[in-house]
Amino acid sequence: MAFMTVLLVFLAAFSVWAYFHTDPPGVPLRSRLLYNGAVLAVAAAAAIAVGATLYADAIVVKAGQAGLPTYLSVMAGCTVFLIALALGGVMRNFFVFPEGKRAVVSPRKPAG
């Protein structure tokens, strides 16, 4: 169980890093920051809601065992966070800020 938790933490960290490094170019910074903050807030709220709901249900069913329900609720919450973050990224890049609405950005020249 510990290995899966560590693996999920690294996957979540990589997903957050990838989410911010795939920001669409040519979008105003304020709009991009507002959207990214909203996606992170919704993803975190959904993760907490799912984790808390599953934990409450599991504790009622097996009141004497708190370890496994805690682990499973954390894993489910992190999975929901990852799915919400991925959906937010897809929506950001293809529907909220499509290529047709972005400003033209000239490519950078390599240093040399």
PDB file of N, CA and C in Angstrom:
ATOM      1  N   MET A   1       0.818  -1.199   0.000  1.00  0.00           N
ATOM      2  CA  MET A   1       0.000   0.000   0.000  1.00  0.00           C
ATOM      3  C   MET A   1       0.859   1.258   0.000  1.00  0.00           C
ATOM      4  N   ALA A   2       1.968   1.187   0.697  1.00  0.00           N
ATOM      5  CA  ALA A   2       2.838   2.358   0.753  1.00  0.00           C
ATOM      6  C   ALA A   2       3.420   2.661  -0.626  1.00  0.00           C
ATOM      7  N   PHE A   3       3.771   1.620  -1.364  1.00  0.00           N
ATOM      8  CA  PHE A   3       4.321   1.817  -2.701  1.00  0.00           C
ATOM      9  C   PHE A   3       3.299   2.493  -3.615  1.00  0.00           C
ATOM     10  N   MET A   4       2.056   2.065  -3.537  1.00  0.00           N
ATOM     11  CA  MET A   4       1.015   2.665  -4.370  1.00  0.00           C
ATOM     12  C   MET A   4       0.782   4.131  -3.991  1.00  0.00           C
ATOM     13  N   THR A   5       0.862   4.432  -2.710  1.00  0.00           N
ATOM     14  CA  THR A   5       0.694   5.818  -2.273  1.00  0.00           C
ATOM     15  C   THR A   5       1.828   6.696  -2.800  1.00  0.00           C
ATOM     16  N   VAL A   6       3.050   6.205  -2.685  1.00  0.00           N
ATOM     17  CA  VAL A   6       4.205   6.957  -3.195  1.00  0.00           C
ATOM     18  C   VAL A   6       4.088   7.132  -4.702  1.00  0.00           C
ATOM     19  N   LEU A   7       3.669   6.076  -5.384  1.00  0.00           N
ATOM     20  CA  LEU A   7       3.496   6.147  -6.832  1.00  0.00           C
ATOM     21  C   LEU A   7       2.431   7.173  -7.211  1.00  0.00           C
ATOM     22  N   LEU A   8       1.339   7.202  -6.474  1.00  0.00           N
ATOM     23  CA  LEU A   8       0.272   8.155  -6.764  1.00  0.00           C
ATOM     24  C   LEU A   8       0.713   9.591  -6.468  1.00  0.00           C
ATOM     25  N   VAL A   9       1.512   9.781  -5.440  1.00  0.00           N
ATOM     26  CA  VAL A   9       2.016  11.124  -5.132  1.00  0.00           C
ATOM     27  C   VAL A   9       2.922  11.619  -6.263  1.00  0.00           C
ATOM     28  N   PHE A  10       3.809  10.757  -6.756  1.00  0.00           N
ATOM     29  CA  PHE A  10       4.664  11.155  -7.876  1.00  0.00           C
ATOM     30  C   PHE A  10       3.848  11.414  -9.133  1.00  0.00           C
ATOM     31  N   LEU A  11       2.826  10.606  -9.370  1.00  0.00           N
ATOM     32  CA  LEU A  11       1.966  10.815 -10.529  1.00  0.00           C
ATOM     33  C   LEU A  11       1.199  12.130 -10.409  1.00  0.00           C
ATOM     34  N   ALA A  12       0.725  12.436  -9.225  1.00  0.00           N
ATOM     35  CA  ALA A  12       0.012  13.706  -9.014  1.00  0.00           C
ATOM     36  C   ALA A  12       0.956  14.891  -9.205  1.00  0.00           C
ATOM     37  N   ALA A  13       2.172  14.795  -8.667  1.00  0.00           N
ATOM     38  CA  ALA A  13       3.145  15.877  -8.831  1.00  0.00           C
ATOM     39  C   ALA A  13       3.490  16.079 -10.305  1.00  0.00           C
ATOM     40  N   PHE A  14       3.693  14.985 -11.026  1.00  0.00           N
ATOM     41  CA  PHE A  14       3.990  15.089 -12.456  1.00  0.00           C
ATOM     42  C   PHE A  14       2.807  15.681 -13.220  1.00  0.00           C
ATOM     43  N   SER A  15       1.600  15.290 -12.851  1.00  0.00           N
ATOM     44  CA  SER A  15       0.412  15.802 -13.535  1.00  0.00           C
ATOM     45  C   SER A  15       0.235  17.301 -13.323  1.00  0.00           C
ATOM     46  N   VAL A  16       0.479  17.770 -12.103  1.00  0.00           N
ATOM     47  CA  VAL A  16       0.380  19.210 -11.834  1.00  0.00           C
ATOM     48  C   VAL A  16       1.465  19.956 -12.607  1.00  0.00           C
ATOM     49  N   TRP A  17       2.687  19.399 -12.634  1.00  0.00           N
ATOM     50  CA  TRP A  17       3.773  20.015 -13.396  1.00  0.00           C
ATOM     51  C   TRP A  17       3.414  20.073 -14.877  1.00  0.00           C
ATOM     52  N   ALA A  18       2.906  18.964 -15.429  1.00  0.00           N
ATOM     53  CA  ALA A  18       2.549  18.918 -16.849  1.00  0.00           C
ATOM     54  C   ALA A  18       1.387  19.856 -17.155  1.00  0.00           C
ATOM     55  N   TYR A  19       0.447  19.973 -16.229  1.00  0.00           N
ATOM     56  CA  TYR A  19      -0.691  20.866 -16.444  1.00  0.00           C
ATOM     57  C   TYR A  19      -0.230  22.300 -16.636  1.00  0.00           C
ATOM     58  N   PHE A  20       0.703  22.746 -15.809  1.00  0.00           N
ATOM     59  CA  PHE A  20       1.164  24.131 -15.914  1.00  0.00           C
ATOM     60  C   PHE A  20       2.174  24.335 -17.035  1.00  0.00           C
ATOM     61  N   HIS A  21       2.827  23.293 -17.500  1.00  0.00           N
ATOM     62  CA  HIS A  21       3.783  23.444 -18.589  1.00  0.00           C
ATOM     63  C   HIS A  21       3.150  23.242 -19.962  1.00  0.00           C
ATOM     64  N   THR A  22       1.863  22.980 -19.998  1.00  0.00           N
ATOM     65  CA  THR A  22       1.162  22.893 -21.285  1.00  0.00           C
ATOM     66  C   THR A  22       0.168  24.033 -21.443  1.00  0.00           C
ATOM     67  N   ASP A  23       0.443  25.146 -20.762  1.00  0.00           N
ATOM     68  CA  ASP A  23      -0.406  26.329 -20.928  1.00  0.00           C
ATOM     69  C   ASP A  23      -0.365  26.770 -22.383  1.00  0.00           C
ATOM     70  N   PRO A  24      -1.514  27.137 -22.932  1.00  0.00           N
ATOM     71  CA  PRO A  24      -1.528  27.559 -24.336  1.00  0.00           C
ATOM     72  C   PRO A  24      -0.833  28.920 -24.494  1.00  0.00           C
ATOM     73  N   PRO A  25       0.048  29.061 -25.479  1.00  0.00           N
ATOM     74  CA  PRO A  25       0.683  30.356 -25.713  1.00  0.00           C
ATOM     75  C   PRO A  25      -0.297  31.328 -26.353  1.00  0.00           C
ATOM     76  N   GLY A  26      -0.095  32.591 -26.088  1.00  0.00           N
ATOM     77  CA  GLY A  26      -0.926  33.618 -26.703  1.00  0.00           C
ATOM     78  C   GLY A  26      -2.201  33.929 -25.944  1.00  0.00           C
ATOM     79  N   VAL A  27      -2.338  33.409 -24.742  1.00  0.00           N
ATOM     80  CA  VAL A  27      -3.512  33.681 -23.917  1.00  0.00           C
ATOM     81  C   VAL A  27      -3.099  34.693 -22.846  1.00  0.00           C
ATOM     82  N   PRO A  28      -3.921  35.696 -22.579  1.00  0.00           N
ATOM     83  CA  PRO A  28      -3.577  36.672 -21.537  1.00  0.00           C
ATOM     84  C   PRO A  28      -3.335  35.985 -20.186  1.00  0.00           C
ATOM     85  N   LEU A  29      -2.336  36.476 -19.485  1.00  0.00           N
ATOM     86  CA  LEU A  29      -1.919  35.854 -18.231  1.00  0.00           C
ATOM     87  C   LEU A  29      -3.047  35.828 -17.205  1.00  0.00           C
ATOM     88  N   ARG A  30      -3.786  36.900 -17.102  1.00  0.00           N
ATOM     89  CA  ARG A  30      -4.859  36.962 -16.092  1.00  0.00           C
ATOM     90  C   ARG A  30      -5.923  35.906 -16.349  1.00  0.00           C
ATOM     91  N   SER A  31      -6.350  35.751 -17.587  1.00  0.00           N
ATOM     92  CA  SER A  31      -7.352  34.740 -17.936  1.00  0.00           C
ATOM     93  C   SER A  31      -6.836  33.335 -17.650  1.00  0.00           C
ATOM     94  N   ARG A  32      -5.593  33.118 -18.013  1.00  0.00           N
ATOM     95  CA  ARG A  32      -4.987  31.803 -17.803  1.00  0.00           C
ATOM     96  C   ARG A  32      -4.871  31.476 -16.321  1.00  0.00           C
ATOM     97  N   LEU A  33      -4.454  32.453 -15.505  1.00  0.00           N
ATOM     98  CA  LEU A  33      -4.328  32.230 -14.067  1.00  0.00           C
ATOM     99  C   LEU A  33      -5.686  31.986 -13.414  1.00  0.00           C
ATOM    100  N   LEU A  34      -6.694  32.740 -13.819  1.00  0.00           N
ATOM    101  CA  LEU A  34      -8.035  32.531 -13.278  1.00  0.00           C
ATOM    102  C   LEU A  34      -8.561  31.142 -13.615  1.00  0.00           C
ATOM    103  N   TYR A  35      -8.383  30.731 -14.847  1.00  0.00           N
ATOM    104  CA  TYR A  35      -8.864  29.407 -15.245  1.00  0.00           C
ATOM    105  C   TYR A  35      -8.094  28.306 -14.517  1.00  0.00           C
ATOM    106  N   ASN A  36      -6.770  28.424 -14.465  1.00  0.00           N
ATOM    107  CA  ASN A  36      -5.967  27.398 -13.790  1.00  0.00           C
ATOM    108  C   ASN A  36      -6.316  27.303 -12.311  1.00  0.00           C
ATOM    109  N   GLY A  37      -6.516  28.443 -11.664  1.00  0.00           N
ATOM    110  CA  GLY A  37      -6.897  28.435 -10.253  1.00  0.00           C
ATOM    111  C   GLY A  37      -8.258  27.802 -10.031  1.00  0.00           C
ATOM    112  N   ALA A  38      -9.195  28.091 -10.940  1.00  0.00           N
ATOM    113  CA  ALA A  38     -10.529  27.497 -10.825  1.00  0.00           C
ATOM    114  C   ALA A  38     -10.481  25.985 -11.020  1.00  0.00           C
ATOM    115  N   VAL A  39      -9.693  25.519 -11.978  1.00  0.00           N
ATOM    116  CA  VAL A  39      -9.578  24.077 -12.211  1.00  0.00           C
ATOM    117  C   VAL A  39      -8.951  23.390 -11.002  1.00  0.00           C
ATOM    118  N   LEU A  40      -7.894  23.981 -10.444  1.00  0.00           N
ATOM    119  CA  LEU A  40      -7.269  23.381  -9.268  1.00  0.00           C
ATOM    120  C   LEU A  40      -8.216  23.361  -8.072  1.00  0.00           C
ATOM    121  N   ALA A  41      -8.992  24.427  -7.897  1.00  0.00           N
ATOM    122  CA  ALA A  41      -9.940  24.473  -6.779  1.00  0.00           C
ATOM    123  C   ALA A  41     -11.051  23.437  -6.954  1.00  0.00           C
ATOM    124  N   VAL A  42     -11.577  23.304  -8.157  1.00  0.00           N
ATOM    125  CA  VAL A  42     -12.629  22.321  -8.407  1.00  0.00           C
ATOM    126  C   VAL A  42     -12.080  20.901  -8.263  1.00  0.00           C
ATOM    127  N   ALA A  43     -10.877  20.661  -8.771  1.00  0.00           N
ATOM    128  CA  ALA A  43     -10.275  19.327  -8.657  1.00  0.00           C
ATOM    129  C   ALA A  43     -10.032  18.959  -7.197  1.00  0.00           C
ATOM    130  N   ALA A  44      -9.518  19.908  -6.414  1.00  0.00           N
ATOM    131  CA  ALA A  44      -9.270  19.633  -4.994  1.00  0.00           C
ATOM    132  C   ALA A  44     -10.577  19.423  -4.236  1.00  0.00           C
ATOM    133  N   ALA A  45     -11.579  20.233  -4.528  1.00  0.00           N
ATOM    134  CA  ALA A  45     -12.870  20.075  -3.859  1.00  0.00           C
ATOM    135  C   ALA A  45     -13.516  18.738  -4.216  1.00  0.00           C
ATOM    136  N   ALA A  46     -13.437  18.336  -5.474  1.00  0.00           N
ATOM    137  CA  ALA A  46     -13.999  17.049  -5.882  1.00  0.00           C
ATOM    138  C   ALA A  46     -13.254  15.894  -5.219  1.00  0.00           C
ATOM    139  N   ALA A  47     -11.933  16.007  -5.129  1.00  0.00           N
ATOM    140  CA  ALA A  47     -11.138  14.954  -4.488  1.00  0.00           C
ATOM    141  C   ALA A  47     -11.504  14.821  -3.008  1.00  0.00           C
ATOM    142  N   ILE A  48     -11.625  15.943  -2.336  1.00  0.00           N
ATOM    143  CA  ILE A  48     -11.978  15.912  -0.906  1.00  0.00           C
ATOM    144  C   ILE A  48     -13.390  15.359  -0.716  1.00  0.00           C
ATOM    145  N   ALA A  49     -14.313  15.767  -1.569  1.00  0.00           N
ATOM    146  CA  ALA A  49     -15.697  15.290  -1.446  1.00  0.00           C
ATOM    147  C   ALA A  49     -15.791  13.778  -1.660  1.00  0.00           C
ATOM    148  N   VAL A  50     -15.122  13.276  -2.691  1.00  0.00           N
ATOM    149  CA  VAL A  50     -15.163  11.838  -2.971  1.00  0.00           C
ATOM    150  C   VAL A  50     -14.465  11.064  -1.861  1.00  0.00           C
ATOM    151  N   GLY A  51     -13.289  11.535  -1.453  1.00  0.00           N
ATOM    152  CA  GLY A  51     -12.566  10.847  -0.385  1.00  0.00           C
ATOM    153  C   GLY A  51     -13.341  10.828   0.922  1.00  0.00           C
ATOM    154  N   ALA A  52     -13.922  11.949   1.292  1.00  0.00           N
ATOM    155  CA  ALA A  52     -14.672  12.020   2.551  1.00  0.00           C
ATOM    156  C   ALA A  52     -15.930  11.162   2.496  1.00  0.00           C
ATOM    157  N   THR A  53     -16.601  11.154   1.357  1.00  0.00           N
ATOM    158  CA  THR A  53     -17.806  10.332   1.212  1.00  0.00           C
ATOM    159  C   THR A  53     -17.474   8.846   1.309  1.00  0.00           C
ATOM    160  N   LEU A  54     -16.448   8.421   0.605  1.00  0.00           N
ATOM    161  CA  LEU A  54     -16.063   7.015   0.661  1.00  0.00           C
ATOM    162  C   LEU A  54     -15.568   6.619   2.046  1.00  0.00           C
ATOM    163  N   TYR A  55     -14.840   7.503   2.697  1.00  0.00           N
ATOM    164  CA  TYR A  55     -14.351   7.205   4.039  1.00  0.00           C
ATOM    165  C   TYR A  55     -15.515   7.083   5.024  1.00  0.00           C
ATOM    166  N   ALA A  56     -16.468   7.991   4.967  1.00  0.00           N
ATOM    167  CA  ALA A  56     -17.610   7.945   5.876  1.00  0.00           C
ATOM    168  C   ALA A  56     -18.421   6.666   5.659  1.00  0.00           C
ATOM    169  N   ASP A  57     -18.615   6.286   4.412  1.00  0.00           N
ATOM    170  CA  ASP A  57     -19.360   5.075   4.116  1.00  0.00           C
ATOM    171  C   ASP A  57     -18.609   3.830   4.593  1.00  0.00           C
ATOM    172  N   ALA A  58     -17.307   3.788   4.379  1.00  0.00           N
ATOM    173  CA  ALA A  58     -16.523   2.619   4.775  1.00  0.00           C
ATOM    174  C   ALA A  58     -16.419   2.495   6.291  1.00  0.00           C
ATOM    175  N   ILE A  59     -16.344   3.604   6.999  1.00  0.00           N
ATOM    176  CA  ILE A  59     -16.262   3.553   8.462  1.00  0.00           C
ATOM    177  C   ILE A  59     -17.572   3.032   9.054  1.00  0.00           C
ATOM    178  N   VAL A  60     -18.683   3.380   8.439  1.00  0.00           N
ATOM    179  CA  VAL A  60     -19.982   2.895   8.928  1.00  0.00           C
ATOM    180  C   VAL A  60     -20.090   1.385   8.732  1.00  0.00           C
ATOM    181  N   VAL A  61     -19.604   0.905   7.583  1.00  0.00           N
ATOM    182  CA  VAL A  61     -19.705  -0.520   7.280  1.00  0.00           C
ATOM    183  C   VAL A  61     -18.769  -1.338   8.162  1.00  0.00           C
ATOM    184  N   LYS A  62     -17.520  -0.904   8.304  1.00  0.00           N
ATOM    185  CA  LYS A  62     -16.534  -1.615   9.122  1.00  0.00           C
ATOM    186  C   LYS A  62     -15.957  -0.637  10.138  1.00  0.00           C
ATOM    187  N   ALA A  63     -16.647  -0.489  11.246  1.00  0.00           N
ATOM    188  CA  ALA A  63     -16.275   0.530  12.224  1.00  0.00           C
ATOM    189  C   ALA A  63     -14.938   0.249  12.892  1.00  0.00           C
ATOM    190  N   GLY A  64     -14.553  -1.005  13.039  1.00  0.00           N
ATOM    191  CA  GLY A  64     -13.313  -1.328  13.747  1.00  0.00           C
ATOM    192  C   GLY A  64     -12.062  -1.196  12.910  1.00  0.00           C
ATOM    193  N   GLN A  65     -12.203  -1.070  11.608  1.00  0.00           N
ATOM    194  CA  GLN A  65     -11.042  -1.014  10.726  1.00  0.00           C
ATOM    195  C   GLN A  65     -10.969   0.358  10.082  1.00  0.00           C
ATOM    196  N   ALA A  66     -10.044   1.169  10.547  1.00  0.00           N
ATOM    197  CA  ALA A  66      -9.933   2.529  10.001  1.00  0.00           C
ATOM    198  C   ALA A  66      -8.788   2.657   8.997  1.00  0.00           C
ATOM    199  N   GLY A  67      -7.859   1.706   8.990  1.00  0.00           N
ATOM    200  CA  GLY A  67      -6.687   1.821   8.127  1.00  0.00           C
ATOM    201  C   GLY A  67      -6.997   1.690   6.656  1.00  0.00           C
ATOM    202  N   LEU A  68      -7.664   0.605   6.288  1.00  0.00           N
ATOM    203  CA  LEU A  68      -7.956   0.372   4.877  1.00  0.00           C
ATOM    204  C   LEU A  68      -8.924   1.400   4.293  1.00  0.00           C
ATOM    205  N   PRO A  69     -10.008   1.771   4.985  1.00  0.00           N
ATOM    206  CA  PRO A  69     -10.868   2.828   4.427  1.00  0.00           C
ATOM    207  C   PRO A  69     -10.139   4.154   4.235  1.00  0.00           C
ATOM    208  N   THR A  70      -9.232   4.481   5.137  1.00  0.00           N
ATOM    209  CA  THR A  70      -8.453   5.716   4.988  1.00  0.00           C
ATOM    210  C   THR A  70      -7.604   5.660   3.728  1.00  0.00           C
ATOM    211  N   TYR A  71      -6.905   4.550   3.546  1.00  0.00           N
ATOM    212  CA  TYR A  71      -6.046   4.363   2.378  1.00  0.00           C
ATOM    213  C   TYR A  71      -6.860   4.432   1.087  1.00  0.00           C
ATOM    214  N   LEU A  72      -7.966   3.693   1.058  1.00  0.00           N
ATOM    215  CA  LEU A  72      -8.772   3.657  -0.165  1.00  0.00           C
ATOM    216  C   LEU A  72      -9.420   5.001  -0.470  1.00  0.00           C
ATOM    217  N   SER A  73      -9.822   5.728   0.546  1.00  0.00           N
ATOM    218  CA  SER A  73     -10.429   7.038   0.292  1.00  0.00           C
ATOM    219  C   SER A  73      -9.391   8.036  -0.212  1.00  0.00           C
ATOM    220  N   VAL A  74      -8.173   7.958   0.302  1.00  0.00           N
ATOM    221  CA  VAL A  74      -7.102   8.832  -0.201  1.00  0.00           C
ATOM    222  C   VAL A  74      -6.774   8.488  -1.647  1.00  0.00           C
ATOM    223  N   MET A  75      -6.697   7.205  -1.956  1.00  0.00           N
ATOM    224  CA  MET A  75      -6.404   6.796  -3.327  1.00  0.00           C
ATOM    225  C   MET A  75      -7.514   7.229  -4.284  1.00  0.00           C
ATOM    226  N   ALA A  76      -8.770   7.059  -3.874  1.00  0.00           N
ATOM    227  CA  ALA A  76      -9.889   7.461  -4.723  1.00  0.00           C
ATOM    228  C   ALA A  76      -9.920   8.975  -4.904  1.00  0.00           C
ATOM    229  N   GLY A  77      -9.662   9.720  -3.828  1.00  0.00           N
ATOM    230  CA  GLY A  77      -9.638  11.171  -3.924  1.00  0.00           C
ATOM    231  C   GLY A  77      -8.546  11.665  -4.852  1.00  0.00           C
ATOM    232  N   CYS A  78      -7.366  11.071  -4.763  1.00  0.00           N
ATOM    233  CA  CYS A  78      -6.268  11.474  -5.656  1.00  0.00           C
ATOM    234  C   CYS A  78      -6.571  11.105  -7.107  1.00  0.00           C
ATOM    235  N   THR A  79      -7.225   9.981  -7.310  1.00  0.00           N
ATOM    236  CA  THR A  79      -7.599   9.596  -8.670  1.00  0.00           C
ATOM    237  C   THR A  79      -8.597  10.594  -9.257  1.00  0.00           C
ATOM    238  N   VAL A  80      -9.560  11.003  -8.457  1.00  0.00           N
ATOM    239  CA  VAL A  80     -10.527  12.008  -8.916  1.00  0.00           C
ATOM    240  C   VAL A  80      -9.807  13.329  -9.215  1.00  0.00           C
ATOM    241  N   PHE A  81      -8.838  13.694  -8.388  1.00  0.00           N
ATOM    242  CA  PHE A  81      -8.053  14.911  -8.626  1.00  0.00           C
ATOM    243  C   PHE A  81      -7.334  14.829  -9.975  1.00  0.00           C
ATOM    244  N   LEU A  82      -6.708  13.682 -10.253  1.00  0.00           N
ATOM    245  CA  LEU A  82      -5.988  13.524 -11.515  1.00  0.00           C
ATOM    246  C   LEU A  82      -6.930  13.594 -12.715  1.00  0.00           C
ATOM    247  N   ILE A  83      -8.085  12.956 -12.607  1.00  0.00           N
ATOM    248  CA  ILE A  83      -9.043  12.971 -13.711  1.00  0.00           C
ATOM    249  C   ILE A  83      -9.576  14.393 -13.939  1.00  0.00           C
ATOM    250  N   ALA A  84      -9.904  15.090 -12.853  1.00  0.00           N
ATOM    251  CA  ALA A  84     -10.408  16.462 -12.983  1.00  0.00           C
ATOM    252  C   ALA A  84      -9.341  17.385 -13.570  1.00  0.00           C
ATOM    253  N   LEU A  85      -8.094  17.192 -13.170  1.00  0.00           N
ATOM    254  CA  LEU A  85      -7.003  18.015 -13.707  1.00  0.00           C
ATOM    255  C   LEU A  85      -6.807  17.743 -15.198  1.00  0.00           C
ATOM    256  N   ALA A  86      -6.871  16.491 -15.595  1.00  0.00           N
ATOM    257  CA  ALA A  86      -6.716  16.148 -17.013  1.00  0.00           C
ATOM    258  C   ALA A  86      -7.866  16.720 -17.842  1.00  0.00           C
ATOM    259  N   LEU A  87      -9.083  16.584 -17.346  1.00  0.00           N
ATOM    260  CA  LEU A  87     -10.226  17.144 -18.069  1.00  0.00           C
ATOM    261  C   LEU A  87     -10.150  18.667 -18.143  1.00  0.00           C
ATOM    262  N   GLY A  88      -9.700  19.295 -17.070  1.00  0.00           N
ATOM    263  CA  GLY A  88      -9.530  20.748 -17.080  1.00  0.00           C
ATOM    264  C   GLY A  88      -8.491  21.191 -18.094  1.00  0.00           C
ATOM    265  N   GLY A  89      -7.412  20.432 -18.217  1.00  0.00           N
ATOM    266  CA  GLY A  89      -6.382  20.754 -19.205  1.00  0.00           C
ATOM    267  C   GLY A  89      -6.875  20.604 -20.629  1.00  0.00           C
ATOM    268  N   VAL A  90      -7.623  19.548 -20.880  1.00  0.00           N
ATOM    269  CA  VAL A  90      -8.174  19.341 -22.227  1.00  0.00           C
ATOM    270  C   VAL A  90      -9.170  20.446 -22.560  1.00  0.00           C
ATOM    271  N   MET A  91     -10.036  20.756 -21.613  1.00  0.00           N
ATOM    272  CA  MET A  91     -11.007  21.828 -21.852  1.00  0.00           C
ATOM    273  C   MET A  91     -10.311  23.163 -22.073  1.00  0.00           C
ATOM    274  N   ARG A  92      -9.251  23.432 -21.304  1.00  0.00           N
ATOM    275  CA  ARG A  92      -8.519  24.698 -21.437  1.00  0.00           C
ATOM    276  C   ARG A  92      -7.905  24.830 -22.820  1.00  0.00           C
ATOM    277  N   ASN A  93      -7.242  23.782 -23.283  1.00  0.00           N
ATOM    278  CA  ASN A  93      -6.494  23.882 -24.536  1.00  0.00           C
ATOM    279  C   ASN A  93      -7.353  23.774 -25.786  1.00  0.00           C
ATOM    280  N   PHE A  94      -8.520  23.121 -25.696  1.00  0.00           N
ATOM    281  CA  PHE A  94      -9.304  22.909 -26.905  1.00  0.00           C
ATOM    282  C   PHE A  94     -10.632  23.663 -26.942  1.00  0.00           C
ATOM    283  N   PHE A  95     -11.202  23.996 -25.788  1.00  0.00           N
ATOM    284  CA  PHE A  95     -12.525  24.619 -25.789  1.00  0.00           C
ATOM    285  C   PHE A  95     -12.536  26.034 -25.215  1.00  0.00           C
ATOM    286  N   VAL A  96     -11.859  26.270 -24.100  1.00  0.00           N
ATOM    287  CA  VAL A  96     -11.873  27.594 -23.481  1.00  0.00           C
ATOM    288  C   VAL A  96     -10.957  28.550 -24.229  1.00  0.00           C
ATOM    289  N   PHE A  97      -9.737  28.097 -24.527  1.00  0.00           N
ATOM    290  CA  PHE A  97      -8.769  28.910 -25.273  1.00  0.00           C
ATOM    291  C   PHE A  97      -8.358  28.164 -26.550  1.00  0.00           C
ATOM    292  N   PRO A  98      -9.263  28.017 -27.526  1.00  0.00           N
ATOM    293  CA  PRO A  98      -8.888  27.303 -28.754  1.00  0.00           C
ATOM    294  C   PRO A  98      -7.856  28.100 -29.550  1.00  0.00           C
ATOM    295  N   GLU A  99      -7.217  27.417 -30.467  1.00  0.00           N
ATOM    296  CA  GLU A  99      -6.139  28.068 -31.237  1.00  0.00           C
ATOM    297  C   GLU A  99      -6.617  29.283 -32.015  1.00  0.00           C
ATOM    298  N   GLY A 100      -7.839  29.282 -32.466  1.00  0.00           N
ATOM    299  CA  GLY A 100      -8.361  30.397 -33.237  1.00  0.00           C
ATOM    300  C   GLY A 100      -8.523  31.679 -32.435  1.00  0.00           C
ATOM    301  N   LYS A 101      -8.645  31.581 -31.124  1.00  0.00           N
ATOM    302  CA  LYS A 101      -8.836  32.761 -30.278  1.00  0.00           C
ATOM    303  C   LYS A 101      -7.547  33.231 -29.614  1.00  0.00           C
ATOM    304  N   ARG A 102      -6.463  32.538 -29.834  1.00  0.00           N
ATOM    305  CA  ARG A 102      -5.185  32.913 -29.208  1.00  0.00           C
ATOM    306  C   ARG A 102      -4.452  33.938 -30.052  1.00  0.00           C
ATOM    307  N   ALA A 103      -3.641  34.760 -29.390  1.00  0.00           N
ATOM    308  CA  ALA A 103      -2.793  35.719 -30.101  1.00  0.00           C
ATOM    309  C   ALA A 103      -1.634  34.969 -30.746  1.00  0.00           C
ATOM    310  N   VAL A 104      -1.132  35.518 -31.826  1.00  0.00           N
ATOM    311  CA  VAL A 104      -0.012  34.894 -32.526  1.00  0.00           C
ATOM    312  C   VAL A 104       1.257  35.138 -31.732  1.00  0.00           C
ATOM    313  N   VAL A 105       1.982  34.074 -31.466  1.00  0.00           N
ATOM    314  CA  VAL A 105       3.238  34.164 -30.716  1.00  0.00           C
ATOM    315  C   VAL A 105       4.352  33.703 -31.633  1.00  0.00           C
ATOM    316  N   SER A 106       5.382  34.548 -31.765  1.00  0.00           N
ATOM    317  CA  SER A 106       6.504  34.158 -32.622  1.00  0.00           C
ATOM    318  C   SER A 106       7.387  33.161 -31.879  1.00  0.00           C
ATOM    319  N   PRO A 107       7.883  32.152 -32.597  1.00  0.00           N
ATOM    320  CA  PRO A 107       8.738  31.168 -31.931  1.00  0.00           C
ATOM    321  C   PRO A 107      10.070  31.780 -31.528  1.00  0.00           C
ATOM    322  N   ARG A 108      10.598  31.290 -30.439  1.00  0.00           N
ATOM    323  CA  ARG A 108      11.880  31.805 -29.951  1.00  0.00           C
ATOM    324  C   ARG A 108      13.032  31.234 -30.764  1.00  0.00           C
ATOM    325  N   LYS A 109      14.078  32.063 -30.912  1.00  0.00           N
ATOM    326  CA  LYS A 109      15.287  31.584 -31.545  1.00  0.00           C
ATOM    327  C   LYS A 109      16.140  30.892 -30.493  1.00  0.00           C
ATOM    328  N   PRO A 110      16.773  29.790 -30.848  1.00  0.00           N
ATOM    329  CA  PRO A 110      17.652  29.164 -29.879  1.00  0.00           C
ATOM    330  C   PRO A 110      18.866  30.038 -29.585  1.00  0.00           C
ATOM    331  N   ALA A 111      19.294  30.035 -28.341  1.00  0.00           N
ATOM    332  CA  ALA A 111      20.461  30.832 -27.952  1.00  0.00           C
ATOM    333  C   ALA A 111      21.704  30.236 -28.578  1.00  0.00           C
ATOM    334  N   GLY A 112      22.568  31.072 -28.998  1.00  0.00           N
ATOM    335  CA  GLY A 112      23.763  30.488 -29.572  1.00  0.00           C
ATOM    336  C   GLY A 112      24.677  31.427 -30.206  1.00  0.00           C
TER     337      GLY A 112
END
